[in-house]
Amino acid sequence: MNKINIQAGQIIFREGELNNSMYIITSGTVEIFFTHKNSATRLALMKKGDFFGEMALFRAKPRTATARAVMDTEMVAVESKQQLERYLLANPEFAAKMVRILADRLANTNELLISKLNEITTKEIEYQIDDK
């Protein structure tokens, strides 16, 4: 794992980029955002002890958001699943935190998916009623 120093305002990665690194913040703050129709929407504000970009280790797909340092930030880049496994074994408190956060993210994604499916189903029922 490599230590990286990022200056405030510097982009760490952009939406659409391919890169396989995950980052763990050791000091500073990073914002995660995406842009839609020229408008940026902040998804998260990450601080010391937080991690981001983990999906890049598990999927070979373009980034879905941009990460930018809000203030001067120091972090470590995890560049492989093996590095992550070694880090988690050496840092069990971080491993537990990561499991909790990933479980929360999964639960939030499930809620969003169910909500969207309910919207679609409701619209389909409305269209069927209107068509009759």
C-alpha atoms as a PDB file:
ATOM      1  CA  MET A   1       0.000   0.000   0.000  1.00  0.00           C
ATOM      2  CA  ASN A   2       1.246   3.446  -0.906  1.00  0.00           C
ATOM      3  CA  LYS A   3       0.860   6.605   1.148  1.00  0.00           C
ATOM      4  CA  ILE A   4      -0.454   9.512  -0.894  1.00  0.00           C
ATOM      5  CA  ASN A   5      -0.597  13.204  -0.045  1.00  0.00           C
ATOM      6  CA  ILE A   6      -3.291  15.198  -1.827  1.00  0.00           C
ATOM      7  CA  GLN A   7      -3.673  18.956  -1.742  1.00  0.00           C
ATOM      8  CA  ALA A   8      -7.012  20.637  -1.064  1.00  0.00           C
ATOM      9  CA  GLY A   9      -9.055  20.841  -4.264  1.00  0.00           C
ATOM     10  CA  GLN A  10      -7.126  18.085  -6.042  1.00  0.00           C
ATOM     11  CA  ILE A  11      -9.133  15.375  -7.813  1.00  0.00           C
ATOM     12  CA  ILE A  12      -8.294  11.830  -6.698  1.00  0.00           C
ATOM     13  CA  PHE A  13     -10.374  10.158  -9.404  1.00  0.00           C
ATOM     14  CA  ARG A  14     -13.194  11.151 -11.759  1.00  0.00           C
ATOM     15  CA  GLU A  15     -16.457   9.598 -12.847  1.00  0.00           C
ATOM     16  CA  GLY A  16     -15.869   7.325 -15.815  1.00  0.00           C
ATOM     17  CA  GLU A  17     -12.206   6.593 -15.052  1.00  0.00           C
ATOM     18  CA  LEU A  18     -10.933   3.055 -14.807  1.00  0.00           C
ATOM     19  CA  ASN A  19      -8.609   2.457 -11.877  1.00  0.00           C
ATOM     20  CA  ASN A  20      -8.591  -0.299  -9.323  1.00  0.00           C
ATOM     21  CA  SER A  21      -7.540   1.509  -6.130  1.00  0.00           C
ATOM     22  CA  MET A  22      -9.422   1.885  -2.890  1.00  0.00           C
ATOM     23  CA  TYR A  23      -8.382   4.616  -0.454  1.00  0.00           C
ATOM     24  CA  ILE A  24      -8.246   4.860   3.336  1.00  0.00           C
ATOM     25  CA  ILE A  25      -7.981   8.381   4.762  1.00  0.00           C
ATOM     26  CA  THR A  26      -5.355   8.828   7.493  1.00  0.00           C
ATOM     27  CA  SER A  27      -5.871  12.606   7.788  1.00  0.00           C
ATOM     28  CA  GLY A  28      -7.911  15.249   5.995  1.00  0.00           C
ATOM     29  CA  THR A  29     -11.276  15.255   4.249  1.00  0.00           C
ATOM     30  CA  VAL A  30     -12.495  14.018   0.857  1.00  0.00           C
ATOM     31  CA  GLU A  31     -15.830  14.636  -0.816  1.00  0.00           C
ATOM     32  CA  ILE A  32     -17.451  12.125  -3.115  1.00  0.00           C
ATOM     33  CA  PHE A  33     -19.842  13.548  -5.701  1.00  0.00           C
ATOM     34  CA  PHE A  34     -21.378  12.892  -9.089  1.00  0.00           C
ATOM     35  CA  THR A  35     -22.412  15.285 -11.793  1.00  0.00           C
ATOM     36  CA  HIS A  36     -25.717  15.211 -13.644  1.00  0.00           C
ATOM     37  CA  LYS A  37     -26.717  17.894 -16.156  1.00  0.00           C
ATOM     38  CA  ASN A  38     -23.797  20.107 -15.067  1.00  0.00           C
ATOM     39  CA  SER A  39     -24.888  19.975 -11.419  1.00  0.00           C
ATOM     40  CA  ALA A  40     -22.716  18.326  -8.760  1.00  0.00           C
ATOM     41  CA  THR A  41     -24.412  16.315  -6.021  1.00  0.00           C
ATOM     42  CA  ARG A  42     -22.381  15.407  -2.948  1.00  0.00           C
ATOM     43  CA  LEU A  43     -22.806  11.778  -1.964  1.00  0.00           C
ATOM     44  CA  ALA A  44     -20.492  11.711   1.035  1.00  0.00           C
ATOM     45  CA  LEU A  45     -17.910  13.611   3.027  1.00  0.00           C
ATOM     46  CA  MET A  46     -15.133  11.265   4.144  1.00  0.00           C
ATOM     47  CA  LYS A  47     -12.781  11.900   7.081  1.00  0.00           C
ATOM     48  CA  LYS A  48      -9.933  10.219   8.935  1.00  0.00           C
ATOM     49  CA  GLY A  49     -10.538   6.480   9.193  1.00  0.00           C
ATOM     50  CA  ASP A  50     -13.049   6.410   6.332  1.00  0.00           C
ATOM     51  CA  PHE A  51     -12.568   4.538   3.070  1.00  0.00           C
ATOM     52  CA  PHE A  52     -13.848   5.012  -0.454  1.00  0.00           C
ATOM     53  CA  GLY A  53     -13.449   3.541  -3.925  1.00  0.00           C
ATOM     54  CA  GLU A  54     -13.663  -0.031  -2.618  1.00  0.00           C
ATOM     55  CA  MET A  55     -15.844  -1.208  -5.498  1.00  0.00           C
ATOM     56  CA  ALA A  56     -12.883  -0.675  -7.825  1.00  0.00           C
ATOM     57  CA  LEU A  57     -11.120  -3.608  -6.165  1.00  0.00           C
ATOM     58  CA  PHE A  58     -14.030  -5.920  -6.893  1.00  0.00           C
ATOM     59  CA  ARG A  59     -15.335  -4.708 -10.262  1.00  0.00           C
ATOM     60  CA  ALA A  60     -13.558  -3.740 -13.450  1.00  0.00           C
ATOM     61  CA  LYS A  61     -15.992  -0.938 -14.250  1.00  0.00           C
ATOM     62  CA  PRO A  62     -15.629   2.836 -14.588  1.00  0.00           C
ATOM     63  CA  ARG A  63     -15.931   4.997 -11.485  1.00  0.00           C
ATOM     64  CA  THR A  64     -19.475   6.162 -10.803  1.00  0.00           C
ATOM     65  CA  ALA A  65     -18.449   9.280  -8.865  1.00  0.00           C
ATOM     66  CA  THR A  66     -15.623  11.778  -8.447  1.00  0.00           C
ATOM     67  CA  ALA A  67     -13.444  12.085  -5.340  1.00  0.00           C
ATOM     68  CA  ARG A  68     -11.843  15.423  -4.446  1.00  0.00           C
ATOM     69  CA  ALA A  69      -9.806  16.500  -1.428  1.00  0.00           C
ATOM     70  CA  VAL A  70     -11.617  19.201   0.552  1.00  0.00           C
ATOM     71  CA  MET A  71      -8.496  19.922   2.592  1.00  0.00           C
ATOM     72  CA  ASP A  72      -4.935  18.654   2.463  1.00  0.00           C
ATOM     73  CA  THR A  73      -5.344  14.909   2.877  1.00  0.00           C
ATOM     74  CA  GLU A  74      -3.117  11.928   3.535  1.00  0.00           C
ATOM     75  CA  MET A  75      -4.340   8.482   2.614  1.00  0.00           C
ATOM     76  CA  VAL A  76      -3.184   5.037   1.662  1.00  0.00           C
ATOM     77  CA  ALA A  77      -4.028   3.436  -1.654  1.00  0.00           C
ATOM     78  CA  VAL A  78      -5.045  -0.211  -1.570  1.00  0.00           C
ATOM     79  CA  GLU A  79      -4.361  -1.591  -5.044  1.00  0.00           C
ATOM     80  CA  SER A  80      -5.347  -5.257  -4.791  1.00  0.00           C
ATOM     81  CA  LYS A  81      -7.653  -7.618  -2.927  1.00  0.00           C
ATOM     82  CA  GLN A  82      -4.585  -9.234  -1.378  1.00  0.00           C
ATOM     83  CA  GLN A  83      -3.410  -5.886   0.040  1.00  0.00           C
ATOM     84  CA  LEU A  84      -6.873  -5.284   1.458  1.00  0.00           C
ATOM     85  CA  GLU A  85      -6.993  -8.748   3.034  1.00  0.00           C
ATOM     86  CA  ARG A  86      -3.591  -8.205   4.694  1.00  0.00           C
ATOM     87  CA  TYR A  87      -4.665  -4.767   5.938  1.00  0.00           C
ATOM     88  CA  LEU A  88      -7.921  -6.113   7.369  1.00  0.00           C
ATOM     89  CA  LEU A  89      -6.125  -8.953   9.164  1.00  0.00           C
ATOM     90  CA  ALA A  90      -3.626  -6.501  10.670  1.00  0.00           C
ATOM     91  CA  ASN A  91      -6.371  -3.998  11.625  1.00  0.00           C
ATOM     92  CA  PRO A  92      -9.383  -5.886  13.024  1.00  0.00           C
ATOM     93  CA  GLU A  93     -11.077  -2.703  14.303  1.00  0.00           C
ATOM     94  CA  PHE A  94     -10.984  -1.246  10.802  1.00  0.00           C
ATOM     95  CA  ALA A  95     -12.226  -4.587   9.415  1.00  0.00           C
ATOM     96  CA  ALA A  96     -15.251  -4.460  11.736  1.00  0.00           C
ATOM     97  CA  LYS A  97     -15.902  -0.833  10.764  1.00  0.00           C
ATOM     98  CA  MET A  98     -15.681  -1.723   7.074  1.00  0.00           C
ATOM     99  CA  VAL A  99     -18.180  -4.570   7.473  1.00  0.00           C
ATOM    100  CA  ARG A 100     -20.629  -2.256   9.292  1.00  0.00           C
ATOM    101  CA  ILE A 101     -20.315   0.464   6.657  1.00  0.00           C
ATOM    102  CA  LEU A 102     -20.654  -1.940   3.728  1.00  0.00           C
ATOM    103  CA  ALA A 103     -23.703  -3.522   5.368  1.00  0.00           C
ATOM    104  CA  ASP A 104     -25.254  -0.054   5.795  1.00  0.00           C
ATOM    105  CA  ARG A 105     -24.512   0.791   2.161  1.00  0.00           C
ATOM    106  CA  LEU A 106     -26.086  -2.469   1.030  1.00  0.00           C
ATOM    107  CA  ALA A 107     -29.178  -1.846   3.163  1.00  0.00           C
ATOM    108  CA  ASN A 108     -29.510   1.676   1.736  1.00  0.00           C
ATOM    109  CA  THR A 109     -29.138   0.323  -1.787  1.00  0.00           C
ATOM    110  CA  ASN A 110     -31.812  -2.306  -1.101  1.00  0.00           C
ATOM    111  CA  GLU A 111     -34.194   0.373   0.219  1.00  0.00           C
ATOM    112  CA  LEU A 112     -33.587   2.509  -2.863  1.00  0.00           C
ATOM    113  CA  LEU A 113     -34.125  -0.455  -5.173  1.00  0.00           C
ATOM    114  CA  ILE A 114     -37.369  -1.444  -3.441  1.00  0.00           C
ATOM    115  CA  SER A 115     -38.577   2.149  -3.597  1.00  0.00           C
ATOM    116  CA  LYS A 116     -37.824   2.374  -7.324  1.00  0.00           C
ATOM    117  CA  LEU A 117     -39.474  -0.993  -7.995  1.00  0.00           C
ATOM    118  CA  ASN A 118     -42.568   0.176  -6.109  1.00  0.00           C
ATOM    119  CA  GLU A 119     -42.646   3.349  -8.242  1.00  0.00           C
ATOM    120  CA  ILE A 120     -42.376   1.316 -11.438  1.00  0.00           C
ATOM    121  CA  THR A 121     -45.054  -1.135 -10.316  1.00  0.00           C
ATOM    122  CA  THR A 122     -47.385   1.694  -9.325  1.00  0.00           C
ATOM    123  CA  LYS A 123     -46.895   3.386 -12.709  1.00  0.00           C
ATOM    124  CA  GLU A 124     -47.525   0.104 -14.532  1.00  0.00           C
ATOM    125  CA  ILE A 125     -50.770  -0.357 -12.611  1.00  0.00           C
ATOM    126  CA  GLU A 126     -51.794   3.246 -13.393  1.00  0.00           C
ATOM    127  CA  TYR A 127     -51.080   2.720 -17.090  1.00  0.00           C
ATOM    128  CA  GLN A 128     -53.039  -0.523 -17.139  1.00  0.00           C
ATOM    129  CA  ILE A 129     -56.028   1.197 -15.505  1.00  0.00           C
ATOM    130  CA  ASP A 130     -55.795   4.144 -17.920  1.00  0.00           C
ATOM    131  CA  ASP A 131     -55.597   1.814 -20.940  1.00  0.00           C
ATOM    132  CA  LYS A 132     -58.882   0.091 -20.106  1.00  0.00           C
END
